[in-house]
Amino acid sequence: MVTLATRGVVAILFTDAVRSTERLNALGDDRVEELRRLEFGLLRDAIAAAGGSEVKSEGDGVMAVFQSPLQAVACAVAIQVSTQDRNASVPEPERLGLRVGLHAGEPVPDEEDFFGASVVVAQRLCKAAGAGQILTSELVRGLIGSRGGYRFRTLGGVV
């Protein structure tokens, strides 16, 4: 839930499941729904642990906001680590492939949602990411600097 504390300049995180249609065709509705619940549990645990707020779920992903880019990157890394840990013990069709996009800015609040250019950039970064990948904007990279011990690699223009 979005609160007044998460308004103003925030870090915006989007996630999306990769190959969800293929998984649905291979496993069927009931099993895919069980996996979706597991995925959302992993996402919500990581968001809460990093101090973020879930804005909304979108199909097989979520939008969340954080008061700092450092929190958002910590969440993104936790999402990918927990997904990799889980995937190590399950067969291929049941493996989760999540992509993550991060940007920062001052989105336009409307009731319990956010809109505007900063949201669009975060969403586009997510769509451009591959399974297991986290794409951040240069703005997020610059705001974090050397904090948190994270290493970034420049990919060039993505969106």
N, C-alpha and C. Protein backbone atom coordinates (compact mmCIF):
# COMPACT_ATOMS: atom_id res chain seq x y z
N MET A 1 0.83 -1.18 0.00
CA MET A 1 0.00 0.00 0.00
C MET A 1 0.88 1.24 0.00
N VAL A 2 0.55 2.19 -0.83
CA VAL A 2 1.30 3.44 -0.92
C VAL A 2 0.87 4.34 0.22
N THR A 3 1.84 4.91 0.91
CA THR A 3 1.54 5.82 2.00
C THR A 3 2.11 7.19 1.68
N LEU A 4 1.73 8.18 2.45
CA LEU A 4 2.29 9.51 2.25
C LEU A 4 3.80 9.51 2.40
N ALA A 5 4.32 8.61 3.20
CA ALA A 5 5.77 8.55 3.40
C ALA A 5 6.50 8.13 2.13
N THR A 6 5.83 7.46 1.20
CA THR A 6 6.48 7.04 -0.03
C THR A 6 6.26 8.02 -1.18
N ARG A 7 5.67 9.15 -0.91
CA ARG A 7 5.46 10.15 -1.95
C ARG A 7 6.68 11.06 -2.04
N GLY A 8 6.80 11.77 -3.14
CA GLY A 8 7.96 12.61 -3.39
C GLY A 8 8.94 11.83 -4.26
N VAL A 9 10.22 12.08 -4.07
CA VAL A 9 11.23 11.36 -4.83
C VAL A 9 11.37 9.95 -4.27
N VAL A 10 11.24 8.96 -5.12
CA VAL A 10 11.31 7.56 -4.72
C VAL A 10 12.10 6.77 -5.73
N ALA A 11 12.52 5.59 -5.33
CA ALA A 11 13.07 4.61 -6.27
C ALA A 11 11.93 3.68 -6.64
N ILE A 12 11.81 3.40 -7.93
CA ILE A 12 10.69 2.61 -8.44
C ILE A 12 11.23 1.30 -8.98
N LEU A 13 10.62 0.19 -8.56
CA LEU A 13 11.04 -1.14 -8.96
C LEU A 13 9.88 -1.84 -9.65
N PHE A 14 10.15 -2.44 -10.80
CA PHE A 14 9.19 -3.30 -11.47
C PHE A 14 9.81 -4.69 -11.61
N THR A 15 8.98 -5.71 -11.47
CA THR A 15 9.41 -7.08 -11.77
C THR A 15 8.44 -7.67 -12.78
N ASP A 16 8.92 -8.69 -13.47
CA ASP A 16 8.08 -9.39 -14.44
C ASP A 16 8.63 -10.80 -14.58
N ALA A 17 7.74 -11.76 -14.72
CA ALA A 17 8.16 -13.15 -14.93
C ALA A 17 8.46 -13.35 -16.42
N VAL A 18 9.53 -14.07 -16.68
CA VAL A 18 9.94 -14.37 -18.05
C VAL A 18 9.40 -15.74 -18.42
N ARG A 19 8.96 -15.90 -19.64
CA ARG A 19 8.46 -17.17 -20.20
C ARG A 19 7.24 -17.71 -19.45
N SER A 20 6.39 -16.82 -18.97
CA SER A 20 5.23 -17.28 -18.21
C SER A 20 4.22 -18.02 -19.10
N THR A 21 4.11 -17.63 -20.35
CA THR A 21 3.18 -18.34 -21.25
C THR A 21 3.68 -19.75 -21.53
N GLU A 22 4.99 -19.90 -21.74
CA GLU A 22 5.56 -21.24 -21.95
C GLU A 22 5.32 -22.12 -20.72
N ARG A 23 5.50 -21.54 -19.55
CA ARG A 23 5.28 -22.29 -18.31
C ARG A 23 3.83 -22.72 -18.19
N LEU A 24 2.92 -21.83 -18.56
CA LEU A 24 1.49 -22.14 -18.51
C LEU A 24 1.17 -23.31 -19.45
N ASN A 25 1.71 -23.28 -20.65
CA ASN A 25 1.47 -24.36 -21.61
C ASN A 25 2.05 -25.69 -21.13
N ALA A 26 3.20 -25.64 -20.46
CA ALA A 26 3.86 -26.87 -20.01
C ALA A 26 3.24 -27.45 -18.73
N LEU A 27 2.77 -26.57 -17.83
CA LEU A 27 2.36 -27.03 -16.50
C LEU A 27 0.86 -26.94 -16.22
N GLY A 28 0.15 -26.12 -16.96
CA GLY A 28 -1.28 -25.97 -16.73
C GLY A 28 -1.61 -24.91 -15.69
N ASP A 29 -2.88 -24.52 -15.70
CA ASP A 29 -3.34 -23.42 -14.85
C ASP A 29 -3.10 -23.63 -13.36
N ASP A 30 -3.44 -24.80 -12.85
CA ASP A 30 -3.36 -25.02 -11.40
C ASP A 30 -1.93 -24.93 -10.89
N ARG A 31 -1.00 -25.58 -11.57
CA ARG A 31 0.39 -25.55 -11.11
C ARG A 31 1.01 -24.16 -11.29
N VAL A 32 0.67 -23.50 -12.39
CA VAL A 32 1.20 -22.15 -12.61
C VAL A 32 0.67 -21.19 -11.55
N GLU A 33 -0.57 -21.38 -11.13
CA GLU A 33 -1.11 -20.52 -10.07
C GLU A 33 -0.36 -20.76 -8.75
N GLU A 34 -0.02 -22.01 -8.45
CA GLU A 34 0.79 -22.29 -7.26
C GLU A 34 2.14 -21.60 -7.36
N LEU A 35 2.75 -21.63 -8.54
CA LEU A 35 4.05 -20.99 -8.74
C LEU A 35 3.94 -19.47 -8.66
N ARG A 36 2.83 -18.92 -9.16
CA ARG A 36 2.62 -17.47 -9.07
C ARG A 36 2.54 -17.03 -7.62
N ARG A 37 1.83 -17.81 -6.82
CA ARG A 37 1.74 -17.49 -5.39
C ARG A 37 3.11 -17.56 -4.71
N LEU A 38 3.89 -18.55 -5.08
CA LEU A 38 5.25 -18.65 -4.55
C LEU A 38 6.09 -17.45 -4.97
N GLU A 39 6.00 -17.11 -6.25
CA GLU A 39 6.74 -15.95 -6.78
C GLU A 39 6.36 -14.68 -6.03
N PHE A 40 5.05 -14.45 -5.85
CA PHE A 40 4.62 -13.25 -5.16
C PHE A 40 5.03 -13.26 -3.69
N GLY A 41 5.11 -14.43 -3.09
CA GLY A 41 5.62 -14.53 -1.73
C GLY A 41 7.08 -14.10 -1.66
N LEU A 42 7.89 -14.57 -2.62
CA LEU A 42 9.30 -14.16 -2.67
C LEU A 42 9.42 -12.65 -2.87
N LEU A 43 8.63 -12.12 -3.79
CA LEU A 43 8.68 -10.69 -4.09
C LEU A 43 8.28 -9.86 -2.87
N ARG A 44 7.17 -10.22 -2.25
CA ARG A 44 6.67 -9.44 -1.12
C ARG A 44 7.59 -9.53 0.09
N ASP A 45 8.20 -10.70 0.30
CA ASP A 45 9.17 -10.83 1.39
C ASP A 45 10.37 -9.91 1.16
N ALA A 46 10.87 -9.88 -0.07
CA ALA A 46 12.04 -9.04 -0.39
C ALA A 46 11.69 -7.56 -0.29
N ILE A 47 10.51 -7.18 -0.76
CA ILE A 47 10.08 -5.77 -0.69
C ILE A 47 9.97 -5.34 0.77
N ALA A 48 9.33 -6.15 1.59
CA ALA A 48 9.17 -5.81 3.01
C ALA A 48 10.52 -5.74 3.72
N ALA A 49 11.39 -6.71 3.46
CA ALA A 49 12.70 -6.74 4.12
C ALA A 49 13.55 -5.52 3.77
N ALA A 50 13.36 -4.99 2.56
CA ALA A 50 14.14 -3.83 2.13
C ALA A 50 13.47 -2.51 2.47
N GLY A 51 12.30 -2.56 3.10
CA GLY A 51 11.63 -1.34 3.52
C GLY A 51 10.81 -0.67 2.44
N GLY A 52 10.41 -1.43 1.42
CA GLY A 52 9.63 -0.86 0.33
C GLY A 52 8.14 -1.01 0.55
N SER A 53 7.39 -0.44 -0.39
CA SER A 53 5.93 -0.54 -0.38
C SER A 53 5.47 -1.04 -1.74
N GLU A 54 4.69 -2.11 -1.74
CA GLU A 54 4.12 -2.59 -2.99
C GLU A 54 3.02 -1.62 -3.42
N VAL A 55 3.10 -1.18 -4.67
CA VAL A 55 2.09 -0.29 -5.22
C VAL A 55 0.97 -1.10 -5.83
N LYS A 56 1.34 -2.09 -6.64
CA LYS A 56 0.34 -2.93 -7.30
C LYS A 56 1.00 -4.16 -7.89
N SER A 57 0.18 -5.15 -8.15
CA SER A 57 0.65 -6.31 -8.90
C SER A 57 0.12 -6.16 -10.32
N GLU A 58 0.91 -6.62 -11.25
CA GLU A 58 0.56 -6.54 -12.67
C GLU A 58 0.77 -7.90 -13.29
N GLY A 59 -0.27 -8.70 -13.35
CA GLY A 59 -0.15 -10.02 -13.95
C GLY A 59 0.80 -10.89 -13.18
N ASP A 60 2.03 -11.02 -13.66
CA ASP A 60 3.02 -11.86 -13.00
C ASP A 60 4.23 -11.06 -12.52
N GLY A 61 3.97 -9.84 -12.10
CA GLY A 61 5.01 -8.99 -11.55
C GLY A 61 4.42 -7.95 -10.63
N VAL A 62 5.29 -7.14 -10.04
CA VAL A 62 4.84 -6.10 -9.12
C VAL A 62 5.53 -4.78 -9.43
N MET A 63 4.91 -3.72 -8.94
CA MET A 63 5.52 -2.40 -8.89
C MET A 63 5.66 -2.05 -7.42
N ALA A 64 6.83 -1.59 -7.04
CA ALA A 64 7.08 -1.20 -5.65
C ALA A 64 7.88 0.10 -5.63
N VAL A 65 7.76 0.84 -4.54
CA VAL A 65 8.52 2.06 -4.37
C VAL A 65 9.31 1.97 -3.06
N PHE A 66 10.44 2.70 -3.06
CA PHE A 66 11.35 2.71 -1.92
C PHE A 66 11.78 4.14 -1.66
N GLN A 67 12.09 4.43 -0.42
CA GLN A 67 12.53 5.78 -0.09
C GLN A 67 13.95 6.04 -0.55
N SER A 68 14.69 4.99 -0.88
CA SER A 68 16.05 5.21 -1.37
C SER A 68 16.39 4.19 -2.46
N PRO A 69 17.23 4.59 -3.41
CA PRO A 69 17.69 3.64 -4.42
C PRO A 69 18.47 2.47 -3.82
N LEU A 70 19.18 2.73 -2.74
CA LEU A 70 19.94 1.66 -2.09
C LEU A 70 19.00 0.56 -1.60
N GLN A 71 17.88 0.92 -1.03
CA GLN A 71 16.87 -0.07 -0.61
C GLN A 71 16.34 -0.84 -1.82
N ALA A 72 16.08 -0.13 -2.91
CA ALA A 72 15.53 -0.78 -4.11
C ALA A 72 16.52 -1.77 -4.71
N VAL A 73 17.78 -1.41 -4.76
CA VAL A 73 18.79 -2.33 -5.28
C VAL A 73 18.94 -3.53 -4.36
N ALA A 74 18.92 -3.31 -3.06
CA ALA A 74 19.00 -4.42 -2.11
C ALA A 74 17.82 -5.37 -2.33
N CYS A 75 16.65 -4.84 -2.57
CA CYS A 75 15.47 -5.66 -2.84
C CYS A 75 15.64 -6.45 -4.13
N ALA A 76 16.09 -5.78 -5.18
CA ALA A 76 16.27 -6.44 -6.47
C ALA A 76 17.25 -7.60 -6.36
N VAL A 77 18.34 -7.38 -5.66
CA VAL A 77 19.34 -8.44 -5.48
C VAL A 77 18.74 -9.58 -4.67
N ALA A 78 18.01 -9.26 -3.61
CA ALA A 78 17.37 -10.31 -2.79
C ALA A 78 16.39 -11.12 -3.62
N ILE A 79 15.65 -10.47 -4.49
CA ILE A 79 14.71 -11.17 -5.36
C ILE A 79 15.45 -12.17 -6.23
N GLN A 80 16.53 -11.73 -6.85
CA GLN A 80 17.25 -12.63 -7.77
C GLN A 80 17.96 -13.75 -7.00
N VAL A 81 18.50 -13.46 -5.84
CA VAL A 81 19.17 -14.50 -5.05
C VAL A 81 18.17 -15.54 -4.58
N SER A 82 17.03 -15.11 -4.06
CA SER A 82 16.04 -16.08 -3.59
C SER A 82 15.48 -16.90 -4.75
N THR A 83 15.33 -16.29 -5.91
CA THR A 83 14.86 -17.02 -7.08
C THR A 83 15.89 -18.06 -7.51
N GLN A 84 17.16 -17.67 -7.56
CA GLN A 84 18.22 -18.62 -7.93
C GLN A 84 18.30 -19.77 -6.93
N ASP A 85 18.21 -19.46 -5.65
CA ASP A 85 18.26 -20.51 -4.62
C ASP A 85 17.13 -21.50 -4.81
N ARG A 86 15.93 -20.99 -5.06
CA ARG A 86 14.79 -21.87 -5.26
C ARG A 86 14.94 -22.68 -6.54
N ASN A 87 15.41 -22.04 -7.60
CA ASN A 87 15.54 -22.72 -8.89
C ASN A 87 16.55 -23.87 -8.88
N ALA A 88 17.50 -23.82 -7.97
CA ALA A 88 18.54 -24.85 -7.92
C ALA A 88 17.98 -26.23 -7.58
N SER A 89 16.78 -26.25 -6.98
CA SER A 89 16.25 -27.54 -6.52
C SER A 89 14.98 -27.99 -7.24
N VAL A 90 14.64 -27.36 -8.36
CA VAL A 90 13.42 -27.74 -9.08
C VAL A 90 13.71 -27.97 -10.56
N PRO A 91 12.90 -28.78 -11.23
CA PRO A 91 13.11 -29.03 -12.65
C PRO A 91 12.83 -27.78 -13.50
N GLU A 92 13.36 -27.75 -14.69
CA GLU A 92 13.28 -26.59 -15.59
C GLU A 92 11.89 -25.99 -15.74
N PRO A 93 10.86 -26.74 -16.01
CA PRO A 93 9.58 -26.06 -16.26
C PRO A 93 9.05 -25.30 -15.05
N GLU A 94 9.53 -25.64 -13.85
CA GLU A 94 9.03 -24.98 -12.65
C GLU A 94 9.96 -23.87 -12.15
N ARG A 95 11.03 -23.63 -12.85
CA ARG A 95 11.95 -22.56 -12.45
C ARG A 95 11.34 -21.20 -12.75
N LEU A 96 11.55 -20.29 -11.83
CA LEU A 96 11.07 -18.93 -12.00
C LEU A 96 12.17 -18.10 -12.66
N GLY A 97 11.80 -17.31 -13.63
CA GLY A 97 12.73 -16.38 -14.26
C GLY A 97 12.17 -14.98 -14.09
N LEU A 98 12.80 -14.18 -13.26
CA LEU A 98 12.30 -12.83 -13.00
C LEU A 98 13.27 -11.79 -13.53
N ARG A 99 12.71 -10.76 -14.11
CA ARG A 99 13.50 -9.60 -14.55
C ARG A 99 13.09 -8.41 -13.70
N VAL A 100 14.04 -7.49 -13.50
CA VAL A 100 13.80 -6.35 -12.62
C VAL A 100 14.30 -5.08 -13.30
N GLY A 101 13.52 -4.02 -13.18
CA GLY A 101 13.92 -2.70 -13.66
C GLY A 101 13.79 -1.69 -12.55
N LEU A 102 14.78 -0.77 -12.45
CA LEU A 102 14.81 0.24 -11.38
C LEU A 102 15.11 1.62 -11.94
N HIS A 103 14.40 2.60 -11.45
CA HIS A 103 14.66 4.00 -11.78
C HIS A 103 14.27 4.83 -10.56
N ALA A 104 14.64 6.08 -10.54
CA ALA A 104 14.28 6.97 -9.45
C ALA A 104 13.72 8.26 -10.03
N GLY A 105 12.84 8.89 -9.28
CA GLY A 105 12.26 10.15 -9.70
C GLY A 105 11.11 10.52 -8.81
N GLU A 106 10.40 11.54 -9.23
CA GLU A 106 9.24 11.99 -8.48
C GLU A 106 8.00 11.75 -9.33
N PRO A 107 7.42 10.54 -9.19
CA PRO A 107 6.25 10.23 -10.00
C PRO A 107 5.01 11.01 -9.54
N VAL A 108 4.02 11.01 -10.39
CA VAL A 108 2.77 11.69 -10.10
C VAL A 108 1.86 10.73 -9.34
N PRO A 109 1.53 11.05 -8.06
CA PRO A 109 0.64 10.17 -7.30
C PRO A 109 -0.81 10.37 -7.71
N ASP A 110 -1.55 9.28 -7.74
CA ASP A 110 -2.99 9.33 -8.00
C ASP A 110 -3.62 8.21 -7.20
N GLU A 111 -4.29 8.58 -6.11
CA GLU A 111 -4.87 7.63 -5.18
C GLU A 111 -3.78 6.67 -4.69
N GLU A 112 -3.88 5.39 -5.00
CA GLU A 112 -2.92 4.39 -4.52
C GLU A 112 -1.93 3.98 -5.60
N ASP A 113 -1.70 4.82 -6.60
CA ASP A 113 -0.85 4.46 -7.73
C ASP A 113 0.06 5.62 -8.08
N PHE A 114 1.02 5.37 -8.94
CA PHE A 114 1.93 6.39 -9.42
C PHE A 114 1.96 6.36 -10.94
N PHE A 115 2.18 7.54 -11.53
CA PHE A 115 2.26 7.68 -12.97
C PHE A 115 3.38 8.64 -13.33
N GLY A 116 3.67 8.78 -14.60
CA GLY A 116 4.64 9.76 -15.07
C GLY A 116 5.87 9.11 -15.65
N ALA A 117 6.78 9.96 -16.11
CA ALA A 117 7.97 9.52 -16.83
C ALA A 117 8.85 8.57 -16.02
N SER A 118 9.00 8.84 -14.73
CA SER A 118 9.89 7.98 -13.93
C SER A 118 9.34 6.56 -13.83
N VAL A 119 8.03 6.42 -13.80
CA VAL A 119 7.41 5.10 -13.77
C VAL A 119 7.61 4.40 -15.12
N VAL A 120 7.44 5.13 -16.19
CA VAL A 120 7.60 4.56 -17.54
C VAL A 120 9.03 4.06 -17.74
N VAL A 121 10.02 4.83 -17.29
CA VAL A 121 11.42 4.41 -17.45
C VAL A 121 11.67 3.12 -16.68
N ALA A 122 11.21 3.04 -15.44
CA ALA A 122 11.42 1.82 -14.64
C ALA A 122 10.76 0.62 -15.30
N GLN A 123 9.57 0.81 -15.82
CA GLN A 123 8.85 -0.28 -16.48
C GLN A 123 9.56 -0.72 -17.76
N ARG A 124 10.07 0.22 -18.52
CA ARG A 124 10.80 -0.13 -19.76
C ARG A 124 12.10 -0.85 -19.46
N LEU A 125 12.77 -0.44 -18.40
CA LEU A 125 13.99 -1.15 -18.00
C LEU A 125 13.67 -2.60 -17.65
N CYS A 126 12.57 -2.80 -16.95
CA CYS A 126 12.15 -4.16 -16.60
C CYS A 126 11.89 -4.98 -17.86
N LYS A 127 11.16 -4.42 -18.79
CA LYS A 127 10.83 -5.14 -20.03
C LYS A 127 12.09 -5.48 -20.84
N ALA A 128 13.12 -4.64 -20.74
CA ALA A 128 14.36 -4.88 -21.49
C ALA A 128 15.28 -5.90 -20.83
N ALA A 129 15.05 -6.18 -19.55
CA ALA A 129 15.91 -7.12 -18.81
C ALA A 129 15.59 -8.56 -19.20
N GLY A 130 16.58 -9.40 -19.05
CA GLY A 130 16.39 -10.83 -19.25
C GLY A 130 16.13 -11.53 -17.93
N ALA A 131 15.85 -12.80 -17.99
CA ALA A 131 15.62 -13.59 -16.77
C ALA A 131 16.86 -13.52 -15.88
N GLY A 132 16.65 -13.23 -14.62
CA GLY A 132 17.74 -13.15 -13.66
C GLY A 132 18.53 -11.85 -13.72
N GLN A 133 18.07 -10.89 -14.52
CA GLN A 133 18.81 -9.65 -14.71
C GLN A 133 18.13 -8.49 -14.00
N ILE A 134 18.94 -7.55 -13.54
CA ILE A 134 18.47 -6.30 -12.94
C ILE A 134 19.02 -5.17 -13.78
N LEU A 135 18.15 -4.36 -14.36
CA LEU A 135 18.59 -3.18 -15.09
C LEU A 135 18.21 -1.94 -14.30
N THR A 136 19.18 -1.06 -14.09
CA THR A 136 18.93 0.20 -13.41
C THR A 136 19.27 1.34 -14.35
N SER A 137 18.70 2.48 -14.07
CA SER A 137 19.06 3.68 -14.83
C SER A 137 20.40 4.21 -14.32
N GLU A 138 21.02 5.05 -15.14
CA GLU A 138 22.26 5.72 -14.70
C GLU A 138 22.00 6.58 -13.48
N LEU A 139 20.79 7.12 -13.37
CA LEU A 139 20.45 7.93 -12.22
C LEU A 139 20.55 7.11 -10.94
N VAL A 140 19.99 5.91 -10.94
CA VAL A 140 20.07 5.03 -9.76
C VAL A 140 21.52 4.71 -9.45
N ARG A 141 22.26 4.38 -10.47
CA ARG A 141 23.69 4.07 -10.29
C ARG A 141 24.42 5.26 -9.66
N GLY A 142 24.15 6.45 -10.16
CA GLY A 142 24.81 7.64 -9.63
C GLY A 142 24.40 7.96 -8.20
N LEU A 143 23.14 7.77 -7.88
CA LEU A 143 22.67 8.04 -6.52
C LEU A 143 23.28 7.08 -5.50
N ILE A 144 23.50 5.85 -5.91
CA ILE A 144 24.07 4.86 -4.99
C ILE A 144 25.58 5.06 -4.84
N GLY A 145 26.23 5.37 -5.94
CA GLY A 145 27.68 5.54 -5.88
C GLY A 145 28.35 4.26 -5.43
N SER A 146 29.19 4.35 -4.42
CA SER A 146 29.91 3.17 -3.92
C SER A 146 29.22 2.52 -2.73
N ARG A 147 28.07 3.02 -2.34
CA ARG A 147 27.38 2.47 -1.16
C ARG A 147 26.84 1.08 -1.43
N GLY A 148 26.85 0.25 -0.41
CA GLY A 148 26.26 -1.07 -0.48
C GLY A 148 27.14 -2.14 -1.11
N GLY A 149 28.26 -1.74 -1.67
CA GLY A 149 29.16 -2.72 -2.28
C GLY A 149 28.66 -3.30 -3.59
N TYR A 150 27.69 -2.66 -4.22
CA TYR A 150 27.14 -3.17 -5.47
C TYR A 150 28.03 -2.74 -6.64
N ARG A 151 28.12 -3.62 -7.61
CA ARG A 151 28.88 -3.31 -8.83
C ARG A 151 27.90 -3.22 -9.99
N PHE A 152 28.08 -2.20 -10.79
CA PHE A 152 27.24 -1.98 -11.95
C PHE A 152 28.08 -2.11 -13.21
N ARG A 153 27.43 -2.53 -14.27
CA ARG A 153 28.08 -2.63 -15.58
C ARG A 153 27.24 -1.82 -16.55
N THR A 154 27.88 -0.98 -17.34
CA THR A 154 27.16 -0.17 -18.30
C THR A 154 26.83 -1.00 -19.53
N LEU A 155 25.56 -0.94 -19.92
CA LEU A 155 25.10 -1.67 -21.11
C LEU A 155 24.84 -0.74 -22.28
N GLY A 156 24.87 0.56 -22.03
CA GLY A 156 24.53 1.51 -23.09
C GLY A 156 23.05 1.80 -23.05
N GLY A 157 22.57 2.46 -24.10
CA GLY A 157 21.16 2.83 -24.16
C GLY A 157 20.27 1.60 -24.28
N VAL A 158 19.33 1.47 -23.39
CA VAL A 158 18.43 0.32 -23.38
C VAL A 158 17.01 0.75 -23.73
N VAL A 159 16.58 1.89 -23.18
CA VAL A 159 15.21 2.35 -23.43
C VAL A 159 15.21 3.66 -24.18
